Protein backbone atom coordinates (compact mmCIF):
# COMPACT_ATOMS: atom_id res chain seq x y z
CA MET A 1 -3.59 197.73 -159.86
CA LYS A 2 -1.32 198.29 -156.88
CA LYS A 3 2.34 197.43 -156.42
CA ILE A 4 2.64 195.36 -153.25
CA LEU A 5 6.01 194.69 -151.67
CA ILE A 6 6.12 191.97 -149.02
CA ILE A 7 9.08 191.90 -146.64
CA GLN A 8 9.39 188.48 -145.08
CA GLY A 9 11.36 188.69 -141.86
CA GLY A 10 12.52 185.18 -141.30
CA GLY A 11 11.11 181.82 -140.59
CA ARG A 12 11.64 178.46 -142.14
CA PRO A 13 11.00 177.61 -145.77
CA ASN A 14 7.39 176.40 -145.90
CA GLY A 15 6.92 177.36 -142.24
CA ASN A 16 3.84 179.23 -140.99
CA THR A 17 5.07 182.70 -141.98
CA ASP A 18 6.10 181.50 -145.43
CA GLN A 19 2.71 179.86 -145.98
CA LEU A 20 0.87 183.03 -144.91
CA VAL A 21 3.01 185.18 -147.19
CA LYS A 22 2.41 182.88 -150.15
CA ALA A 23 -1.37 182.83 -149.52
CA PHE A 24 -1.51 186.63 -149.23
CA ALA A 25 0.62 187.04 -152.38
CA LYS A 26 -1.57 184.61 -154.34
CA GLY A 27 -4.76 186.42 -153.28
CA ALA A 28 -3.31 189.80 -154.22
CA ASP A 29 -1.98 188.47 -157.52
CA ASP A 30 -5.33 186.85 -158.32
CA SER A 31 -6.95 190.25 -157.68
CA GLY A 32 -4.74 191.83 -160.33
CA HIS A 33 -2.06 193.41 -158.17
CA GLU A 34 1.68 193.26 -158.80
CA VAL A 35 3.37 191.44 -155.91
CA GLU A 36 7.03 191.02 -154.98
CA ILE A 37 8.36 189.13 -151.97
CA ILE A 38 11.72 189.96 -150.43
CA SER A 39 13.11 187.57 -147.84
CA LEU A 40 15.33 189.01 -145.12
CA ILE A 41 16.88 185.55 -144.74
CA LYS A 42 18.35 186.00 -148.23
CA ASN A 43 18.93 189.79 -147.92
CA GLU A 44 20.83 190.88 -144.83
CA ILE A 45 19.77 194.20 -143.31
CA LYS A 46 21.63 195.53 -140.29
CA GLY A 47 20.13 197.78 -137.63
CA CYS A 48 20.39 201.58 -137.83
CA LEU A 49 23.64 203.21 -136.68
CA GLY A 50 22.12 206.68 -136.32
CA CYS A 51 24.55 208.23 -138.82
CA ASN A 52 21.76 210.46 -140.29
CA ALA A 53 22.93 209.99 -143.90
CA CYS A 54 19.39 209.07 -144.97
CA ARG A 55 17.99 212.15 -143.27
CA TYR A 56 20.00 214.25 -145.72
CA GLY A 57 19.10 212.24 -148.82
CA LYS A 58 22.28 210.17 -148.93
CA PRO A 59 22.40 206.38 -149.12
CA CYS A 60 22.98 204.54 -145.87
CA VAL A 61 26.64 204.08 -144.98
CA GLN A 62 26.10 200.40 -144.18
CA LYS A 63 26.99 197.94 -146.88
CA ASP A 64 24.05 195.55 -146.84
CA SER A 65 20.99 194.80 -148.95
CA PHE A 66 18.91 197.77 -147.76
CA ASN A 67 20.23 200.27 -150.31
CA ASP A 68 19.24 197.85 -153.10
CA ILE A 69 15.70 197.55 -151.69
CA VAL A 70 15.00 201.29 -151.15
CA SER A 71 13.86 201.94 -154.72
CA LYS A 72 11.38 199.04 -154.48
CA ILE A 73 10.05 200.40 -151.18
CA MET A 74 9.56 203.87 -152.63
CA ALA A 75 7.81 202.47 -155.74
CA ALA A 76 5.41 200.29 -153.72
CA ASP A 77 1.83 201.32 -153.03
CA LEU A 78 1.63 198.90 -150.12
CA LEU A 79 4.37 197.56 -147.87
CA VAL A 80 3.54 194.33 -146.02
CA LEU A 81 5.73 193.09 -143.17
CA ALA A 82 5.54 189.41 -142.24
CA SER A 83 7.35 187.93 -139.29
CA PRO A 84 7.31 184.83 -137.16
CA LEU A 85 6.96 185.42 -133.45
CA TYR A 86 10.14 184.77 -131.52
CA PHE A 87 9.94 185.16 -127.74
CA TRP A 88 6.54 186.92 -128.05
CA THR A 89 7.72 189.59 -130.50
CA ILE A 90 8.67 190.09 -134.15
CA SER A 91 11.98 188.80 -135.49
CA SER A 92 15.19 190.81 -135.15
CA ARG A 93 15.38 190.95 -138.96
CA ILE A 94 12.08 192.84 -139.16
CA LYS A 95 13.12 195.09 -136.26
CA ALA A 96 16.29 196.06 -138.12
CA PHE A 97 14.27 196.67 -141.30
CA ILE A 98 11.81 198.91 -139.44
CA GLU A 99 14.66 200.97 -137.98
CA ARG A 100 16.02 201.59 -141.44
CA VAL A 101 12.76 202.14 -143.35
CA LEU A 102 10.95 204.56 -141.03
CA LEU A 103 12.53 207.72 -142.41
CA TYR A 104 11.63 206.70 -145.98
CA CYS A 105 8.00 206.13 -144.97
CA ARG A 106 7.80 209.62 -143.49
CA ARG A 107 9.06 211.17 -146.72
CA GLY A 108 6.33 209.48 -148.78
C-alpha cells in the first residue's frame, strides 16, 4: 500500500480537473492505496522568495499553508499534481507549489 498525496492546483468544483482527480483517487483507493487530496484553492501557497531558509532545514519564512503540508509531502510515496490549463500552461497555484516543493523532493 502506498501513500498518495494529490495536490489539486485550481479549477472549479466538479470541473474537468476535479473530475479527473476524483477518478484517479477512486482508482487508487480501490487498489488499496491511501489517498489524500489537497486543494490549493482552499490552501494558499505563495511563490518562493529565495530566502534559502529551507535549504538550511528551517521552515519557510512565508506564513501560508505550505509549512502545514510539508510533513504530508515528505510522508507520501507518490505526489500527484493536477492542474487545469490556463493560457496553455499549468495554473499559477501549481507553479508556486512547484517552486516551494522542489528542494524537499531533492532531499528525499
